[in-house]
C-alpha atoms as a PDB file:
ATOM      1  CA  MET A   1      40.094 142.697  39.387  1.00  0.00           C
ATOM      2  CA  SER A   2      42.904 142.585  41.989  1.00  0.00           C
ATOM      3  CA  THR A   3      44.168 139.330  43.454  1.00  0.00           C
ATOM      4  CA  PRO A   4      42.701 139.932  46.976  1.00  0.00           C
ATOM      5  CA  THR A   5      39.337 140.730  45.381  1.00  0.00           C
ATOM      6  CA  LYS A   6      39.498 137.536  43.335  1.00  0.00           C
ATOM      7  CA  LYS A   7      40.299 135.522  46.461  1.00  0.00           C
ATOM      8  CA  ARG A   8      37.364 137.035  48.325  1.00  0.00           C
ATOM      9  CA  GLY A   9      35.099 136.303  45.376  1.00  0.00           C
ATOM     10  CA  THR A  10      36.307 132.684  45.245  1.00  0.00           C
ATOM     11  CA  ALA A  11      35.811 132.253  49.008  1.00  0.00           C
ATOM     12  CA  ALA A  12      32.301 133.708  48.775  1.00  0.00           C
ATOM     13  CA  ALA A  13      31.462 131.336  45.912  1.00  0.00           C
ATOM     14  CA  LYS A  14      32.670 128.359  47.957  1.00  0.00           C
ATOM     15  CA  ARG A  15      30.569 129.427  50.954  1.00  0.00           C
ATOM     16  CA  SER A  16      27.560 129.853  48.690  1.00  0.00           C
ATOM     17  CA  ARG A  17      27.993 126.345  47.247  1.00  0.00           C
ATOM     18  CA  LEU A  18      28.325 124.937  50.767  1.00  0.00           C
ATOM     19  CA  TYR A  19      25.304 126.930  51.969  1.00  0.00           C
ATOM     20  CA  TRP A  20      23.091 125.523  49.250  1.00  0.00           C
ATOM     21  CA  GLY A  21      24.870 122.190  48.787  1.00  0.00           C
ATOM     22  CA  VAL A  22      24.376 120.809  52.322  1.00  0.00           C
ATOM     23  CA  PRO A  23      20.571 121.290  52.378  1.00  0.00           C
ATOM     24  CA  ALA A  24      20.370 119.897  48.835  1.00  0.00           C
ATOM     25  CA  VAL A  25      22.252 116.733  49.841  1.00  0.00           C
ATOM     26  CA  LEU A  26      20.123 116.302  52.987  1.00  0.00           C
ATOM     27  CA  GLY A  27      16.964 116.802  50.951  1.00  0.00           C
ATOM     28  CA  ALA A  28      18.104 114.236  48.400  1.00  0.00           C
ATOM     29  CA  LEU A  29      18.806 111.720  51.179  1.00  0.00           C
ATOM     30  CA  VAL A  30      15.313 112.229  52.612  1.00  0.00           C
ATOM     31  CA  LEU A  31      13.814 111.643  49.172  1.00  0.00           C
ATOM     32  CA  VAL A  32      15.860 108.449  48.764  1.00  0.00           C
ATOM     33  CA  VAL A  33      14.603 107.146  52.111  1.00  0.00           C
ATOM     34  CA  LEU A  34      10.977 107.981  51.282  1.00  0.00           C
ATOM     35  CA  LEU A  35      11.266 106.370  47.835  1.00  0.00           C
ATOM     36  CA  ALA A  36      12.876 103.236  49.315  1.00  0.00           C
ATOM     37  CA  LYS A  37      10.153 102.945  51.963  1.00  0.00           C
ATOM     38  CA  TRP A  38       7.468 103.282  49.286  1.00  0.00           C
ATOM     39  CA  LEU A  39       9.146 100.617  47.158  1.00  0.00           C
ATOM     40  CA  MET A  40       9.507  98.257  50.125  1.00  0.00           C
ATOM     41  CA  GLY A  41       5.750  98.561  50.663  1.00  0.00           C
ATOM     42  CA  LEU A  42       4.957  97.233  47.182  1.00  0.00           C
ATOM     43  CA  PRO A  43       4.022  93.512  47.128  1.00  0.00           C
ATOM     44  CA  ALA A  44       6.382  92.734  44.235  1.00  0.00           C
ATOM     45  CA  VAL A  45       9.351  94.385  46.002  1.00  0.00           C
ATOM     46  CA  ALA A  46       8.473  92.729  49.313  1.00  0.00           C
ATOM     47  CA  SER A  47       8.444  89.372  47.531  1.00  0.00           C
ATOM     48  CA  PHE A  48      11.790  90.157  45.890  1.00  0.00           C
ATOM     49  CA  VAL A  49      13.374  90.989  49.273  1.00  0.00           C
ATOM     50  CA  ALA A  50      11.934  87.780  50.741  1.00  0.00           C
ATOM     51  CA  ASP A  51      13.473  85.736  47.906  1.00  0.00           C
ATOM     52  CA  TYR A  52      16.768  87.623  48.105  1.00  0.00           C
ATOM     53  CA  PRO A  53      17.243  88.677  51.761  1.00  0.00           C
ATOM     54  CA  GLY A  54      20.600  90.361  51.090  1.00  0.00           C
ATOM     55  CA  HIS A  55      23.093  87.546  51.728  1.00  0.00           C
ATOM     56  CA  SER A  56      24.623  85.329  49.063  1.00  0.00           C
ATOM     57  CA  LYS A  57      25.473  81.810  50.254  1.00  0.00           C
ATOM     58  CA  LEU A  58      29.188  81.143  50.650  1.00  0.00           C
ATOM     59  CA  PRO A  59      30.912  77.914  49.519  1.00  0.00           C
ATOM     60  CA  ASP A  60      30.704  75.111  52.083  1.00  0.00           C
ATOM     61  CA  ASN A  61      34.449  75.293  52.764  1.00  0.00           C
ATOM     62  CA  ALA A  62      34.485  79.050  53.379  1.00  0.00           C
ATOM     63  CA  PRO A  63      36.295  79.987  56.615  1.00  0.00           C
ATOM     64  CA  VAL A  64      34.378  81.398  59.581  1.00  0.00           C
ATOM     65  CA  GLY A  65      35.747  84.302  61.585  1.00  0.00           C
ATOM     66  CA  PHE A  66      38.836  86.460  61.169  1.00  0.00           C
ATOM     67  CA  PRO A  67      42.445  85.348  61.709  1.00  0.00           C
ATOM     68  CA  ALA A  68      44.949  87.529  63.584  1.00  0.00           C
ATOM     69  CA  TRP A  69      46.923  88.323  60.418  1.00  0.00           C
ATOM     70  CA  LEU A  70      43.827  89.914  58.903  1.00  0.00           C
ATOM     71  CA  ALA A  71      43.485  92.235  61.914  1.00  0.00           C
ATOM     72  CA  TRP A  72      47.074  93.415  61.452  1.00  0.00           C
ATOM     73  CA  GLN A  73      46.598  93.797  57.705  1.00  0.00           C
ATOM     74  CA  HIS A  74      43.442  95.810  58.291  1.00  0.00           C
ATOM     75  CA  PHE A  75      45.260  98.213  60.633  1.00  0.00           C
ATOM     76  CA  LEU A  76      48.289  98.637  58.359  1.00  0.00           C
ATOM     77  CA  ASN A  77      46.077  99.167  55.327  1.00  0.00           C
ATOM     78  CA  ALA A  78      44.057 101.836  57.151  1.00  0.00           C
ATOM     79  CA  PHE A  79      47.249 103.459  58.471  1.00  0.00           C
ATOM     80  CA  PHE A  80      48.948 103.682  55.077  1.00  0.00           C
ATOM     81  CA  LEU A  81      45.782 104.656  53.213  1.00  0.00           C
ATOM     82  CA  LEU A  82      45.008 107.516  55.601  1.00  0.00           C
ATOM     83  CA  LEU A  83      48.479 109.015  55.116  1.00  0.00           C
ATOM     84  CA  ILE A  84      48.424 108.349  51.364  1.00  0.00           C
ATOM     85  CA  ILE A  85      45.183 110.336  51.049  1.00  0.00           C
ATOM     86  CA  ARG A  86      46.632 113.135  53.182  1.00  0.00           C
ATOM     87  CA  THR A  87      49.890 113.375  51.237  1.00  0.00           C
ATOM     88  CA  GLY A  88      48.105 112.973  47.914  1.00  0.00           C
ATOM     89  CA  TRP A  89      45.947 115.971  48.733  1.00  0.00           C
ATOM     90  CA  GLN A  90      49.049 117.923  49.785  1.00  0.00           C
ATOM     91  CA  VAL A  91      50.791 117.087  46.514  1.00  0.00           C
ATOM     92  CA  ARG A  92      47.711 118.259  44.625  1.00  0.00           C
ATOM     93  CA  THR A  93      47.159 121.520  46.522  1.00  0.00           C
ATOM     94  CA  THR A  94      50.465 122.697  48.049  1.00  0.00           C
ATOM     95  CA  THR A  95      52.087 125.507  46.063  1.00  0.00           C
ATOM     96  CA  ARG A  96      55.130 126.027  48.315  1.00  0.00           C
ATOM     97  CA  PRO A  97      56.450 122.688  49.615  1.00  0.00           C
ATOM     98  CA  GLY A  98      58.285 122.543  52.917  1.00  0.00           C
ATOM     99  CA  GLY A  99      61.294 120.902  51.289  1.00  0.00           C
ATOM    100  CA  TYR A 100      62.602 118.914  48.346  1.00  0.00           C
ATOM    101  CA  TRP A 101      64.210 115.495  47.944  1.00  0.00           C
ATOM    102  CA  THR A 102      66.610 114.103  45.346  1.00  0.00           C
ATOM    103  CA  ARG A 103      67.301 110.373  45.202  1.00  0.00           C
ATOM    104  CA  ASN A 104      70.822 109.143  45.902  1.00  0.00           C
ATOM    105  CA  ASN A 105      71.981 107.678  42.588  1.00  0.00           C
ATOM    106  CA  LYS A 106      74.757 105.638  44.215  1.00  0.00           C
ATOM    107  CA  GLY A 107      72.580 103.202  46.143  1.00  0.00           C
ATOM    108  CA  LEU A 108      70.728 100.059  45.082  1.00  0.00           C
ATOM    109  CA  ILE A 109      68.695 101.977  42.495  1.00  0.00           C
ATOM    110  CA  ARG A 110      70.938 103.589  39.887  1.00  0.00           C
ATOM    111  CA  THR A 111      69.863 105.279  36.682  1.00  0.00           C
ATOM    112  CA  ARG A 112      71.764 106.585  33.683  1.00  0.00           C
ATOM    113  CA  ASN A 113      70.113 109.995  33.958  1.00  0.00           C
ATOM    114  CA  SER A 114      70.306 112.242  37.007  1.00  0.00           C
ATOM    115  CA  PRO A 115      67.492 111.747  39.547  1.00  0.00           C
ATOM    116  CA  THR A 116      64.642 114.248  39.456  1.00  0.00           C
ATOM    117  CA  LYS A 117      64.129 116.590  42.392  1.00  0.00           C
ATOM    118  CA  ILE A 118      60.669 116.206  43.912  1.00  0.00           C
ATOM    119  CA  SER A 119      58.846 117.800  46.817  1.00  0.00           C
ATOM    120  CA  LEU A 120      59.121 116.264  50.259  1.00  0.00           C
ATOM    121  CA  ASP A 121      55.351 115.715  50.170  1.00  0.00           C
ATOM    122  CA  LEU A 122      55.651 113.701  46.962  1.00  0.00           C
ATOM    123  CA  TRP A 123      58.572 111.691  48.381  1.00  0.00           C
ATOM    124  CA  PHE A 124      56.499 110.767  51.435  1.00  0.00           C
ATOM    125  CA  HIS A 125      53.484 109.973  49.252  1.00  0.00           C
ATOM    126  CA  LEU A 126      55.535 107.628  47.042  1.00  0.00           C
ATOM    127  CA  THR A 127      57.208 105.997  50.049  1.00  0.00           C
ATOM    128  CA  LEU A 128      53.809 105.289  51.583  1.00  0.00           C
ATOM    129  CA  ASP A 129      52.622 103.931  48.236  1.00  0.00           C
ATOM    130  CA  VAL A 130      55.461 101.393  48.214  1.00  0.00           C
ATOM    131  CA  LEU A 131      54.695 100.292  51.783  1.00  0.00           C
ATOM    132  CA  TRP A 132      50.966 100.065  50.982  1.00  0.00           C
ATOM    133  CA  ILE A 133      51.644  97.950  47.896  1.00  0.00           C
ATOM    134  CA  LEU A 134      53.965  95.606  49.820  1.00  0.00           C
ATOM    135  CA  ASN A 135      51.289  95.247  52.493  1.00  0.00           C
ATOM    136  CA  GLY A 136      48.747  94.584  49.749  1.00  0.00           C
ATOM    137  CA  ILE A 137      50.886  91.821  48.245  1.00  0.00           C
ATOM    138  CA  VAL A 138      51.173  90.114  51.640  1.00  0.00           C
ATOM    139  CA  PHE A 139      47.422  90.530  52.095  1.00  0.00           C
ATOM    140  CA  ALA A 140      46.640  88.981  48.694  1.00  0.00           C
ATOM    141  CA  VAL A 141      48.932  86.001  49.285  1.00  0.00           C
ATOM    142  CA  LEU A 142      47.430  85.275  52.707  1.00  0.00           C
ATOM    143  CA  LEU A 143      43.904  85.929  51.426  1.00  0.00           C
ATOM    144  CA  PHE A 144      44.135  83.182  48.806  1.00  0.00           C
ATOM    145  CA  ALA A 145      46.302  80.859  50.907  1.00  0.00           C
ATOM    146  CA  THR A 146      43.803  80.758  53.776  1.00  0.00           C
ATOM    147  CA  GLY A 147      40.533  80.758  51.817  1.00  0.00           C
ATOM    148  CA  GLN A 148      39.495  84.170  53.143  1.00  0.00           C
ATOM    149  CA  TRP A 149      39.072  85.272  49.518  1.00  0.00           C
ATOM    150  CA  MET A 150      35.701  83.454  49.462  1.00  0.00           C
ATOM    151  CA  ARG A 151      34.329  86.100  51.837  1.00  0.00           C
ATOM    152  CA  ILE A 152      34.999  89.035  49.466  1.00  0.00           C
ATOM    153  CA  VAL A 153      34.931  87.496  45.975  1.00  0.00           C
ATOM    154  CA  PRO A 154      31.515  86.734  44.424  1.00  0.00           C
ATOM    155  CA  THR A 155      31.069  82.996  43.881  1.00  0.00           C
ATOM    156  CA  SER A 156      27.433  83.057  42.745  1.00  0.00           C
ATOM    157  CA  TRP A 157      25.388  85.258  40.414  1.00  0.00           C
ATOM    158  CA  ASP A 158      22.723  85.735  43.091  1.00  0.00           C
ATOM    159  CA  VAL A 159      25.092  88.192  44.779  1.00  0.00           C
ATOM    160  CA  PHE A 160      23.716  90.914  42.486  1.00  0.00           C
ATOM    161  CA  PRO A 161      19.973  90.658  43.313  1.00  0.00           C
ATOM    162  CA  ASN A 162      20.978  90.203  46.966  1.00  0.00           C
ATOM    163  CA  ALA A 163      23.076  93.356  46.783  1.00  0.00           C
ATOM    164  CA  LEU A 164      20.102  95.255  45.337  1.00  0.00           C
ATOM    165  CA  SER A 165      17.953  93.905  48.158  1.00  0.00           C
ATOM    166  CA  ALA A 166      20.513  94.990  50.773  1.00  0.00           C
ATOM    167  CA  ALA A 167      20.711  98.451  49.179  1.00  0.00           C
ATOM    168  CA  LEU A 168      16.916  98.820  49.369  1.00  0.00           C
ATOM    169  CA  GLN A 169      16.958  97.745  53.015  1.00  0.00           C
ATOM    170  CA  TYR A 170      19.711 100.230  53.878  1.00  0.00           C
ATOM    171  CA  ALA A 171      17.971 103.046  51.985  1.00  0.00           C
ATOM    172  CA  SER A 172      14.644 102.355  53.739  1.00  0.00           C
ATOM    173  CA  LEU A 173      16.472 102.402  57.128  1.00  0.00           C
ATOM    174  CA  ASN A 174      15.344  98.806  57.686  1.00  0.00           C
ATOM    175  CA  TRP A 175      18.899  97.548  57.638  1.00  0.00           C
ATOM    176  CA  PRO A 176      19.731  93.928  56.772  1.00  0.00           C
ATOM    177  CA  THR A 177      20.633  91.567  59.596  1.00  0.00           C
ATOM    178  CA  GLU A 178      24.410  91.553  60.118  1.00  0.00           C
ATOM    179  CA  ASN A 179      26.645  88.631  61.037  1.00  0.00           C
ATOM    180  CA  GLY A 180      30.001  89.635  59.610  1.00  0.00           C
ATOM    181  CA  TRP A 181      31.803  86.945  61.575  1.00  0.00           C
ATOM    182  CA  VAL A 182      30.199  84.346  59.293  1.00  0.00           C
ATOM    183  CA  ASN A 183      29.235  86.183  56.104  1.00  0.00           C
ATOM    184  CA  TYR A 184      29.030  89.735  54.778  1.00  0.00           C
ATOM    185  CA  ASN A 185      25.827  90.888  53.142  1.00  0.00           C
ATOM    186  CA  ALA A 186      26.022  90.985  49.349  1.00  0.00           C
ATOM    187  CA  LEU A 187      26.437  94.756  49.132  1.00  0.00           C
ATOM    188  CA  GLN A 188      29.373  94.621  51.551  1.00  0.00           C
ATOM    189  CA  LEU A 189      30.907  91.744  49.617  1.00  0.00           C
ATOM    190  CA  LEU A 190      30.738  93.659  46.328  1.00  0.00           C
ATOM    191  CA  SER A 191      32.085  96.853  47.889  1.00  0.00           C
ATOM    192  CA  TYR A 192      35.064  94.974  49.386  1.00  0.00           C
ATOM    193  CA  PHE A 193      35.664  93.230  46.063  1.00  0.00           C
ATOM    194  CA  VAL A 194      35.662  96.537  44.172  1.00  0.00           C
ATOM    195  CA  THR A 195      37.946  98.136  46.759  1.00  0.00           C
ATOM    196  CA  VAL A 196      40.517  95.338  46.870  1.00  0.00           C
ATOM    197  CA  PHE A 197      40.553  94.120  43.286  1.00  0.00           C
ATOM    198  CA  ILE A 198      39.588  97.206  41.239  1.00  0.00           C
ATOM    199  CA  ALA A 199      40.141 100.475  43.135  1.00  0.00           C
ATOM    200  CA  ALA A 200      43.470  99.481  44.719  1.00  0.00           C
ATOM    201  CA  PRO A 201      45.051  98.265  41.438  1.00  0.00           C
ATOM    202  CA  LEU A 202      43.747 101.391  39.663  1.00  0.00           C
ATOM    203  CA  ALA A 203      45.339 103.592  42.338  1.00  0.00           C
ATOM    204  CA  PHE A 204      48.616 101.704  41.915  1.00  0.00           C
ATOM    205  CA  ILE A 205      48.827 101.669  38.119  1.00  0.00           C
ATOM    206  CA  THR A 206      47.713 105.296  37.655  1.00  0.00           C
ATOM    207  CA  GLY A 207      50.065 106.457  40.410  1.00  0.00           C
ATOM    208  CA  LEU A 208      52.920 104.523  38.804  1.00  0.00           C
ATOM    209  CA  ARG A 209      52.104 106.102  35.430  1.00  0.00           C
ATOM    210  CA  MET A 210      52.405 109.590  36.923  1.00  0.00           C
ATOM    211  CA  SER A 211      55.586 108.833  38.875  1.00  0.00           C
ATOM    212  CA  GLY A 212      59.205 109.164  37.790  1.00  0.00           C
ATOM    213  CA  ALA A 213      59.542 105.368  37.838  1.00  0.00           C
ATOM    214  CA  TRP A 214      57.498 105.095  34.633  1.00  0.00           C
ATOM    215  CA  PRO A 215      59.733 104.673  31.527  1.00  0.00           C
ATOM    216  CA  LYS A 216      59.541 108.016  29.708  1.00  0.00           C
ATOM    217  CA  LYS A 217      61.060 106.702  26.474  1.00  0.00           C
ATOM    218  CA  ALA A 218      58.631 103.777  26.063  1.00  0.00           C
ATOM    219  CA  THR A 219      56.755 105.467  23.204  1.00  0.00           C
ATOM    220  CA  GLY A 220      54.302 102.655  22.474  1.00  0.00           C
ATOM    221  CA  LEU A 221      53.472 102.119  26.132  1.00  0.00           C
ATOM    222  CA  ASN A 222      53.027 105.839  26.752  1.00  0.00           C
ATOM    223  CA  LYS A 223      50.776 106.146  23.719  1.00  0.00           C
ATOM    224  CA  ALA A 224      48.644 103.199  24.880  1.00  0.00           C
ATOM    225  CA  PHE A 225      48.388 104.602  28.399  1.00  0.00           C
ATOM    226  CA  PRO A 226      48.657 108.427  28.245  1.00  0.00           C
ATOM    227  CA  ILE A 227      49.501 110.243  31.446  1.00  0.00           C
ATOM    228  CA  GLU A 228      46.335 112.330  30.993  1.00  0.00           C
ATOM    229  CA  TRP A 229      44.257 109.175  31.460  1.00  0.00           C
ATOM    230  CA  ALA A 230      46.128 108.335  34.642  1.00  0.00           C
ATOM    231  CA  ARG A 231      45.519 111.830  36.039  1.00  0.00           C
ATOM    232  CA  ALA A 232      41.842 111.657  35.096  1.00  0.00           C
ATOM    233  CA  VAL A 233      41.418 108.372  37.017  1.00  0.00           C
ATOM    234  CA  HIS A 234      43.787 108.756  39.982  1.00  0.00           C
ATOM    235  CA  PHE A 235      41.929 111.566  41.762  1.00  0.00           C
ATOM    236  CA  PRO A 236      38.433 110.004  41.444  1.00  0.00           C
ATOM    237  CA  VAL A 237      39.886 106.781  42.869  1.00  0.00           C
ATOM    238  CA  MET A 238      41.088 108.760  45.880  1.00  0.00           C
ATOM    239  CA  VAL A 239      37.591 110.233  46.257  1.00  0.00           C
ATOM    240  CA  TYR A 240      36.201 106.689  46.124  1.00  0.00           C
ATOM    241  CA  PHE A 241      38.508 105.589  48.942  1.00  0.00           C
ATOM    242  CA  VAL A 242      37.476 108.572  51.082  1.00  0.00           C
ATOM    243  CA  ALA A 243      33.790 107.782  50.510  1.00  0.00           C
ATOM    244  CA  PHE A 244      34.341 104.077  51.174  1.00  0.00           C
ATOM    245  CA  ILE A 245      36.152 104.787  54.452  1.00  0.00           C
ATOM    246  CA  ALA A 246      33.449 107.214  55.616  1.00  0.00           C
ATOM    247  CA  VAL A 247      30.603 104.771  54.898  1.00  0.00           C
ATOM    248  CA  HIS A 248      32.566 101.804  56.226  1.00  0.00           C
ATOM    249  CA  VAL A 249      33.356 103.465  59.570  1.00  0.00           C
ATOM    250  CA  PHE A 250      29.787 104.740  59.918  1.00  0.00           C
ATOM    251  CA  LEU A 251      28.269 101.288  59.364  1.00  0.00           C
ATOM    252  CA  VAL A 252      30.790  99.598  61.688  1.00  0.00           C
ATOM    253  CA  LEU A 253      29.767 101.952  64.497  1.00  0.00           C
ATOM    254  CA  ALA A 254      26.045 101.984  63.663  1.00  0.00           C
ATOM    255  CA  THR A 255      25.444  98.227  63.297  1.00  0.00           C
ATOM    256  CA  GLY A 256      26.781  96.872  66.588  1.00  0.00           C
ATOM    257  CA  ALA A 257      30.012  98.730  67.257  1.00  0.00           C
ATOM    258  CA  LEU A 258      31.446  96.504  69.997  1.00  0.00           C
ATOM    259  CA  ARG A 259      30.861  93.241  68.137  1.00  0.00           C
ATOM    260  CA  ASN A 260      32.133  94.664  64.838  1.00  0.00           C
ATOM    261  CA  LEU A 261      35.267  96.085  66.471  1.00  0.00           C
ATOM    262  CA  ASN A 262      35.887  92.779  68.224  1.00  0.00           C
ATOM    263  CA  HIS A 263      35.664  91.009  64.879  1.00  0.00           C
ATOM    264  CA  MET A 264      38.387  93.077  63.252  1.00  0.00           C
ATOM    265  CA  TYR A 265      40.514  94.266  66.163  1.00  0.00           C
ATOM    266  CA  GLY A 266      39.950  91.611  68.812  1.00  0.00           C
ATOM    267  CA  VAL A 267      39.648  88.524  66.555  1.00  0.00           C
ATOM    268  CA  ARG A 268      36.655  87.342  68.594  1.00  0.00           C
ATOM    269  CA  ASP A 269      32.879  87.187  68.212  1.00  0.00           C
ATOM    270  CA  ASP A 270      31.439  88.785  71.344  1.00  0.00           C
ATOM    271  CA  ASP A 271      30.252  92.115  72.739  1.00  0.00           C
ATOM    272  CA  GLY A 272      33.234  92.754  75.018  1.00  0.00           C
ATOM    273  CA  TRP A 273      35.345  95.909  75.096  1.00  0.00           C
ATOM    274  CA  PHE A 274      38.690  94.433  74.028  1.00  0.00           C
ATOM    275  CA  GLY A 275      38.306  95.251  70.331  1.00  0.00           C
ATOM    276  CA  PHE A 276      37.109  98.762  71.171  1.00  0.00           C
ATOM    277  CA  TRP A 277      40.259  99.582  73.141  1.00  0.00           C
ATOM    278  CA  VAL A 278      42.504  98.116  70.456  1.00  0.00           C
ATOM    279  CA  PHE A 279      40.621 100.283  67.950  1.00  0.00           C
ATOM    280  CA  VAL A 280      41.134 103.368  70.150  1.00  0.00           C
ATOM    281  CA  ALA A 281      44.870 102.612  70.353  1.00  0.00           C
ATOM    282  CA  SER A 282      45.074 102.211  66.566  1.00  0.00           C
ATOM    283  CA  VAL A 283      43.271 105.522  66.035  1.00  0.00           C
ATOM    284  CA  ALA A 284      45.709 107.183  68.462  1.00  0.00           C
ATOM    285  CA  VAL A 285      48.637 105.847  66.402  1.00  0.00           C
ATOM    286  CA  MET A 286      47.093 107.146  63.171  1.00  0.00           C
ATOM    287  CA  VAL A 287      46.347 110.566  64.670  1.00  0.00           C
ATOM    288  CA  ALA A 288      49.933 110.794  65.957  1.00  0.00           C
ATOM    289  CA  ALA A 289      51.283 109.836  62.510  1.00  0.00           C
ATOM    290  CA  TRP A 290      49.021 112.453  60.898  1.00  0.00           C
ATOM    291  CA  PHE A 291      50.503 115.253  63.028  1.00  0.00           C
ATOM    292  CA  LEU A 292      54.074 113.952  62.878  1.00  0.00           C
ATOM    293  CA  ALA A 293      54.020 113.803  59.068  1.00  0.00           C
ATOM    294  CA  ARG A 294      55.558 117.265  58.823  1.00  0.00           C
ATOM    295  CA  PRO A 295      58.759 118.438  57.131  1.00  0.00           C
ATOM    296  CA  ILE A 296      60.613 118.861  60.422  1.00  0.00           C
ATOM    297  CA  PHE A 297      60.160 115.140  61.165  1.00  0.00           C
ATOM    298  CA  LEU A 298      60.295 113.883  57.573  1.00  0.00           C
ATOM    299  CA  ARG A 299      63.600 115.536  56.619  1.00  0.00           C
ATOM    300  CA  PRO A 300      65.844 113.276  58.787  1.00  0.00           C
ATOM    301  CA  ILE A 301      64.153 110.146  57.396  1.00  0.00           C
ATOM    302  CA  ALA A 302      64.206 111.356  53.786  1.00  0.00           C
ATOM    303  CA  SER A 303      67.916 112.279  54.105  1.00  0.00           C
ATOM    304  CA  LEU A 304      68.718 108.593  54.679  1.00  0.00           C
ATOM    305  CA  MET A 305      67.588 107.864  51.111  1.00  0.00           C
ATOM    306  CA  GLY A 306      68.699 110.984  49.295  1.00  0.00           C
ATOM    307  CA  LYS A 307      69.486 114.666  49.482  1.00  0.00           C
ATOM    308  CA  VAL A 308      67.031 117.008  51.198  1.00  0.00           C
ATOM    309  CA  SER A 309      67.040 120.705  50.367  1.00  0.00           C
ATOM    310  CA  SER A 310      64.876 123.711  51.074  1.00  0.00           C
ATOM    311  CA  ARG A 311      64.471 124.562  47.381  1.00  0.00           C
END
């Protein structure tokens, strides 16, 4: 079979999967809703939801509201993560990069061996990773220094039955009452905990394992943590982040958009429009960065840190 014929066959197979996949997913969602509604109608389940309404009690000294630093951290995290996902996908799928970069071995970072030439996409991806990690370190320090950690770290075992209760309420479309300014529901709390303390470190350590910064001659370390394991985990973690962002944005907009946006972008607990306009401005910045992240704009920046070539 010729190459064009193979490509047409592959494209047709993808369209077929999409044609049947979308109705299958929609049908599955309808079944989940119907099953959740049936369960919520059972006396035992109704009693369970009454005992565990979906919110786990916070410690008495837990902070209320969101400080300004958290709003900035939230924006920077979203900004870096969006571009990291974009560049990660480019690294995975691009067969002909728009340029290459070789580190300058005469700067602060010097190695005995010659630096490895990498694609411009990979350089940008790694640069964003470093900025994201630095932002994450600042976030973690401030999180524990200000007590905000109590809002996203489970402090009681009842968070698990409450999370199950919240999941049932979401699935039955009878969503739990929200007051994120004071306390997240248990399912939100667990999802934020997993994102911050499990998914983010996994993304970092697996990305580091696959990068040129990992010591290639550390035989014992490489045997304990094979690069194949890192590759097997790194991509699913990216898929998790994409799914988390999609659900997170949907729920922010669907459960009182103005108040939710004021919480995180306006640092206030009201239904005004200030947070909305700050959110719009932040989205505009991210969209601009998305379109400016092209070789023609990246080459001058990358050349400050190394040699840029076309091949």
